[in-house]
Amino acid sequence: MKLSLLDVLFCPGCGASPLAIEVISEERIEVSGKVPVPVCERYCAATGGPPGPSSPCVECLGREILAAELTCPSCGSRFGVDGGVPLLPPPAGEDFLVGGR
């Protein structure tokens, strides 16, 4: 999971955003090519505030979060990140089809 994903994730229980993150393990990867700054639109997880022209986007994109705990600042719900995948249930009240049926 890229740290920048926190810009678009929200709590499936109450809809609050951004979720807080406690990183358990991560890998550093090389980012090549030109990176537009800012990458995020609403929230910069690297600085904990709004994104701007001085946001550390290259450094942020070089972080691959493998395991973490996400916490909703509003309702306190907690969600894991395992193998780089955020483990979030569907939003409350949403009817998602399983297996394409």
N, C-alpha and C. Protein backbone atom coordinates (compact mmCIF):
# COMPACT_ATOMS: atom_id res chain seq x y z
N MET A 1 0.85 -1.17 0.00
CA MET A 1 0.00 0.00 0.00
C MET A 1 0.89 1.23 0.00
N LYS A 2 0.58 2.15 -0.84
CA LYS A 2 1.29 3.43 -0.84
C LYS A 2 0.70 4.32 0.26
N LEU A 3 1.55 5.05 0.92
CA LEU A 3 1.10 5.97 1.97
C LEU A 3 0.12 6.99 1.41
N SER A 4 0.29 7.34 0.14
CA SER A 4 -0.59 8.32 -0.49
C SER A 4 -2.03 7.82 -0.63
N LEU A 5 -2.27 6.53 -0.44
CA LEU A 5 -3.63 6.00 -0.50
C LEU A 5 -4.51 6.59 0.60
N LEU A 6 -3.90 7.07 1.68
CA LEU A 6 -4.68 7.67 2.77
C LEU A 6 -5.43 8.92 2.31
N ASP A 7 -5.02 9.47 1.17
CA ASP A 7 -5.72 10.63 0.60
C ASP A 7 -7.14 10.27 0.18
N VAL A 8 -7.38 9.01 -0.18
CA VAL A 8 -8.70 8.62 -0.70
C VAL A 8 -9.43 7.59 0.17
N LEU A 9 -8.75 6.99 1.15
CA LEU A 9 -9.42 6.02 2.02
C LEU A 9 -10.30 6.74 3.03
N PHE A 10 -11.41 6.08 3.39
CA PHE A 10 -12.29 6.60 4.43
C PHE A 10 -12.78 5.45 5.28
N CYS A 11 -13.28 5.75 6.46
CA CYS A 11 -13.78 4.73 7.37
C CYS A 11 -15.08 4.15 6.80
N PRO A 12 -15.14 2.83 6.62
CA PRO A 12 -16.36 2.23 6.09
C PRO A 12 -17.52 2.27 7.09
N GLY A 13 -17.22 2.51 8.36
CA GLY A 13 -18.26 2.56 9.37
C GLY A 13 -18.95 3.91 9.47
N CYS A 14 -18.14 4.99 9.50
CA CYS A 14 -18.73 6.32 9.71
C CYS A 14 -18.42 7.31 8.59
N GLY A 15 -17.54 6.94 7.67
CA GLY A 15 -17.22 7.80 6.54
C GLY A 15 -16.15 8.85 6.81
N ALA A 16 -15.55 8.85 8.00
CA ALA A 16 -14.53 9.84 8.33
C ALA A 16 -13.24 9.61 7.54
N SER A 17 -12.53 10.69 7.32
CA SER A 17 -11.26 10.65 6.61
C SER A 17 -10.44 11.84 7.07
N PRO A 18 -9.14 11.77 7.16
CA PRO A 18 -8.29 10.65 6.83
C PRO A 18 -8.16 9.67 7.99
N LEU A 19 -7.80 8.44 7.66
CA LEU A 19 -7.53 7.44 8.68
C LEU A 19 -6.09 7.62 9.17
N ALA A 20 -5.88 7.39 10.45
CA ALA A 20 -4.52 7.44 11.01
C ALA A 20 -3.84 6.11 10.72
N ILE A 21 -2.53 6.13 10.58
CA ILE A 21 -1.79 4.90 10.28
C ILE A 21 -0.65 4.72 11.26
N GLU A 22 -0.49 3.47 11.69
CA GLU A 22 0.68 3.07 12.47
C GLU A 22 1.37 1.99 11.65
N VAL A 23 2.50 2.34 11.07
CA VAL A 23 3.22 1.42 10.20
C VAL A 23 3.96 0.39 11.03
N ILE A 24 3.77 -0.88 10.67
CA ILE A 24 4.46 -1.98 11.34
C ILE A 24 5.68 -2.41 10.54
N SER A 25 5.50 -2.53 9.22
CA SER A 25 6.65 -2.84 8.36
C SER A 25 6.44 -2.21 6.99
N GLU A 26 7.55 -1.84 6.37
CA GLU A 26 7.51 -1.22 5.06
C GLU A 26 8.80 -1.52 4.31
N GLU A 27 8.74 -1.33 3.00
CA GLU A 27 9.92 -1.44 2.16
C GLU A 27 10.13 -0.10 1.48
N ARG A 28 11.37 0.18 1.19
CA ARG A 28 11.70 1.38 0.43
C ARG A 28 11.97 0.95 -1.01
N ILE A 29 11.37 1.66 -1.94
CA ILE A 29 11.57 1.37 -3.35
C ILE A 29 12.05 2.64 -4.04
N GLU A 30 12.73 2.46 -5.16
CA GLU A 30 13.22 3.61 -5.91
C GLU A 30 12.12 4.15 -6.80
N VAL A 31 11.95 5.44 -6.78
CA VAL A 31 10.97 6.12 -7.63
C VAL A 31 11.73 6.78 -8.76
N SER A 32 11.37 6.41 -9.98
CA SER A 32 12.06 7.01 -11.12
C SER A 32 11.07 7.83 -11.95
N GLY A 33 11.62 8.75 -12.69
CA GLY A 33 10.78 9.60 -13.52
C GLY A 33 10.34 10.85 -12.77
N LYS A 34 9.68 11.71 -13.49
CA LYS A 34 9.22 12.97 -12.91
C LYS A 34 7.92 12.74 -12.12
N VAL A 35 7.87 13.24 -10.92
CA VAL A 35 6.69 13.10 -10.06
C VAL A 35 6.04 14.47 -9.91
N PRO A 36 4.76 14.59 -10.30
CA PRO A 36 4.08 15.88 -10.11
C PRO A 36 3.83 16.13 -8.63
N VAL A 37 4.06 17.34 -8.21
CA VAL A 37 3.86 17.69 -6.80
C VAL A 37 2.77 18.74 -6.73
N PRO A 38 1.78 18.57 -5.89
CA PRO A 38 1.55 17.42 -5.03
C PRO A 38 0.81 16.30 -5.76
N VAL A 39 1.05 15.06 -5.30
CA VAL A 39 0.37 13.88 -5.83
C VAL A 39 -1.04 13.80 -5.24
N CYS A 40 -1.15 14.03 -3.97
CA CYS A 40 -2.43 13.92 -3.27
C CYS A 40 -3.26 15.20 -3.43
N GLU A 41 -4.56 15.06 -3.30
CA GLU A 41 -5.45 16.21 -3.48
C GLU A 41 -5.97 16.80 -2.18
N ARG A 42 -6.29 15.94 -1.17
CA ARG A 42 -6.93 16.43 0.05
C ARG A 42 -6.05 16.33 1.28
N TYR A 43 -5.22 15.25 1.35
CA TYR A 43 -4.48 14.97 2.58
C TYR A 43 -3.11 14.40 2.24
N CYS A 44 -2.08 14.98 2.80
CA CYS A 44 -0.71 14.48 2.65
C CYS A 44 -0.35 13.69 3.91
N ALA A 45 -0.29 12.38 3.77
CA ALA A 45 0.02 11.52 4.92
C ALA A 45 1.45 11.70 5.39
N ALA A 46 2.33 12.13 4.51
CA ALA A 46 3.73 12.32 4.89
C ALA A 46 3.90 13.50 5.85
N THR A 47 3.07 14.54 5.68
CA THR A 47 3.18 15.71 6.54
C THR A 47 2.05 15.80 7.56
N GLY A 48 0.97 15.04 7.33
CA GLY A 48 -0.17 15.09 8.24
C GLY A 48 -1.06 16.30 8.05
N GLY A 49 -1.01 16.89 6.88
CA GLY A 49 -1.82 18.07 6.61
C GLY A 49 -2.22 18.15 5.15
N PRO A 50 -2.62 19.32 4.72
CA PRO A 50 -2.99 19.46 3.31
C PRO A 50 -1.76 19.39 2.41
N PRO A 51 -1.91 18.83 1.21
CA PRO A 51 -0.78 18.76 0.29
C PRO A 51 -0.44 20.13 -0.28
N GLY A 52 0.79 20.30 -0.65
CA GLY A 52 1.23 21.57 -1.21
C GLY A 52 2.47 21.39 -2.05
N PRO A 53 3.01 22.48 -2.58
CA PRO A 53 4.17 22.39 -3.46
C PRO A 53 5.44 21.88 -2.77
N SER A 54 5.49 21.91 -1.45
CA SER A 54 6.67 21.40 -0.75
C SER A 54 6.44 20.00 -0.15
N SER A 55 5.35 19.34 -0.52
CA SER A 55 5.08 17.99 -0.03
C SER A 55 6.17 17.03 -0.51
N PRO A 56 6.60 16.10 0.35
CA PRO A 56 7.68 15.17 -0.02
C PRO A 56 7.14 13.97 -0.82
N CYS A 57 6.61 14.22 -2.01
CA CYS A 57 5.93 13.19 -2.80
C CYS A 57 6.87 12.06 -3.23
N VAL A 58 8.08 12.38 -3.66
CA VAL A 58 9.00 11.33 -4.11
C VAL A 58 9.33 10.40 -2.96
N GLU A 59 9.63 10.95 -1.81
CA GLU A 59 9.92 10.13 -0.63
C GLU A 59 8.70 9.28 -0.25
N CYS A 60 7.54 9.88 -0.28
CA CYS A 60 6.30 9.19 0.08
C CYS A 60 6.02 8.03 -0.88
N LEU A 61 6.15 8.27 -2.18
CA LEU A 61 5.89 7.22 -3.17
C LEU A 61 6.91 6.09 -3.10
N GLY A 62 8.05 6.35 -2.49
CA GLY A 62 9.07 5.33 -2.31
C GLY A 62 8.83 4.43 -1.10
N ARG A 63 7.76 4.66 -0.39
CA ARG A 63 7.42 3.83 0.78
C ARG A 63 6.30 2.86 0.41
N GLU A 64 6.58 1.58 0.53
CA GLU A 64 5.57 0.56 0.29
C GLU A 64 5.21 -0.03 1.65
N ILE A 65 4.01 0.29 2.14
CA ILE A 65 3.57 -0.17 3.46
C ILE A 65 3.12 -1.62 3.33
N LEU A 66 3.77 -2.52 4.05
CA LEU A 66 3.45 -3.95 4.00
C LEU A 66 2.49 -4.36 5.10
N ALA A 67 2.69 -3.83 6.28
CA ALA A 67 1.82 -4.15 7.41
C ALA A 67 1.62 -2.88 8.24
N ALA A 68 0.37 -2.66 8.64
CA ALA A 68 0.06 -1.45 9.41
C ALA A 68 -1.29 -1.61 10.07
N GLU A 69 -1.61 -0.65 10.93
CA GLU A 69 -2.94 -0.56 11.52
C GLU A 69 -3.50 0.81 11.18
N LEU A 70 -4.69 0.82 10.60
CA LEU A 70 -5.40 2.05 10.29
C LEU A 70 -6.44 2.28 11.37
N THR A 71 -6.57 3.51 11.83
CA THR A 71 -7.53 3.84 12.88
C THR A 71 -8.36 5.04 12.45
N CYS A 72 -9.67 4.93 12.64
CA CYS A 72 -10.56 6.04 12.34
C CYS A 72 -10.51 7.03 13.50
N PRO A 73 -10.19 8.29 13.23
CA PRO A 73 -10.11 9.28 14.30
C PRO A 73 -11.48 9.65 14.84
N SER A 74 -12.54 9.33 14.12
CA SER A 74 -13.88 9.70 14.54
C SER A 74 -14.54 8.63 15.42
N CYS A 75 -14.60 7.40 14.92
CA CYS A 75 -15.31 6.35 15.66
C CYS A 75 -14.39 5.34 16.34
N GLY A 76 -13.08 5.42 16.06
CA GLY A 76 -12.11 4.53 16.70
C GLY A 76 -11.99 3.15 16.08
N SER A 77 -12.70 2.88 14.99
CA SER A 77 -12.58 1.58 14.33
C SER A 77 -11.16 1.36 13.86
N ARG A 78 -10.72 0.10 13.89
CA ARG A 78 -9.36 -0.24 13.48
C ARG A 78 -9.40 -1.26 12.35
N PHE A 79 -8.47 -1.09 11.43
CA PHE A 79 -8.38 -1.97 10.27
C PHE A 79 -6.92 -2.27 10.01
N GLY A 80 -6.65 -3.47 9.55
CA GLY A 80 -5.28 -3.87 9.27
C GLY A 80 -4.87 -3.62 7.84
N VAL A 81 -3.56 -3.64 7.65
CA VAL A 81 -2.96 -3.68 6.32
C VAL A 81 -2.07 -4.91 6.35
N ASP A 82 -2.31 -5.85 5.45
CA ASP A 82 -1.57 -7.10 5.43
C ASP A 82 -1.09 -7.37 4.01
N GLY A 83 0.20 -7.59 3.85
CA GLY A 83 0.75 -7.83 2.53
C GLY A 83 0.57 -6.64 1.60
N GLY A 84 0.48 -5.44 2.17
CA GLY A 84 0.31 -4.24 1.39
C GLY A 84 -1.12 -3.94 1.00
N VAL A 85 -2.07 -4.73 1.52
CA VAL A 85 -3.49 -4.55 1.17
C VAL A 85 -4.27 -4.07 2.38
N PRO A 86 -4.96 -2.91 2.27
CA PRO A 86 -5.81 -2.46 3.37
C PRO A 86 -7.01 -3.39 3.51
N LEU A 87 -7.26 -3.87 4.70
CA LEU A 87 -8.35 -4.82 4.96
C LEU A 87 -9.56 -4.07 5.49
N LEU A 88 -10.28 -3.44 4.56
CA LEU A 88 -11.45 -2.65 4.91
C LEU A 88 -12.71 -3.35 4.44
N PRO A 89 -13.71 -3.49 5.30
CA PRO A 89 -14.98 -4.07 4.86
C PRO A 89 -15.74 -3.09 3.98
N PRO A 90 -16.74 -3.55 3.23
CA PRO A 90 -17.55 -2.60 2.45
C PRO A 90 -18.22 -1.59 3.37
N PRO A 91 -18.50 -0.38 2.86
CA PRO A 91 -19.18 0.63 3.68
C PRO A 91 -20.53 0.11 4.19
N ALA A 92 -20.92 0.56 5.35
CA ALA A 92 -22.19 0.15 5.96
C ALA A 92 -23.35 0.44 5.01
N GLY A 93 -24.23 -0.53 4.87
CA GLY A 93 -25.41 -0.34 4.04
C GLY A 93 -25.19 -0.63 2.57
N GLU A 94 -23.96 -0.91 2.16
CA GLU A 94 -23.68 -1.21 0.77
C GLU A 94 -23.86 -2.70 0.52
N ASP A 95 -24.48 -3.06 -0.58
CA ASP A 95 -24.70 -4.45 -0.95
C ASP A 95 -23.72 -4.81 -2.06
N PHE A 96 -22.63 -5.48 -1.70
CA PHE A 96 -21.64 -5.86 -2.68
C PHE A 96 -21.83 -7.31 -3.09
N LEU A 97 -21.73 -7.56 -4.36
CA LEU A 97 -21.87 -8.90 -4.89
C LEU A 97 -20.55 -9.64 -4.77
N VAL A 98 -20.63 -10.90 -4.37
CA VAL A 98 -19.43 -11.71 -4.24
C VAL A 98 -19.42 -12.72 -5.38
N GLY A 99 -18.29 -12.83 -6.04
CA GLY A 99 -18.15 -13.80 -7.13
C GLY A 99 -18.92 -13.41 -8.38
N GLY A 100 -19.30 -12.17 -8.54
CA GLY A 100 -19.96 -11.72 -9.74
C GLY A 100 -21.41 -12.14 -9.88
N ARG A 101 -22.03 -12.55 -8.80
CA ARG A 101 -23.43 -13.00 -8.86
C ARG A 101 -24.37 -11.92 -8.36
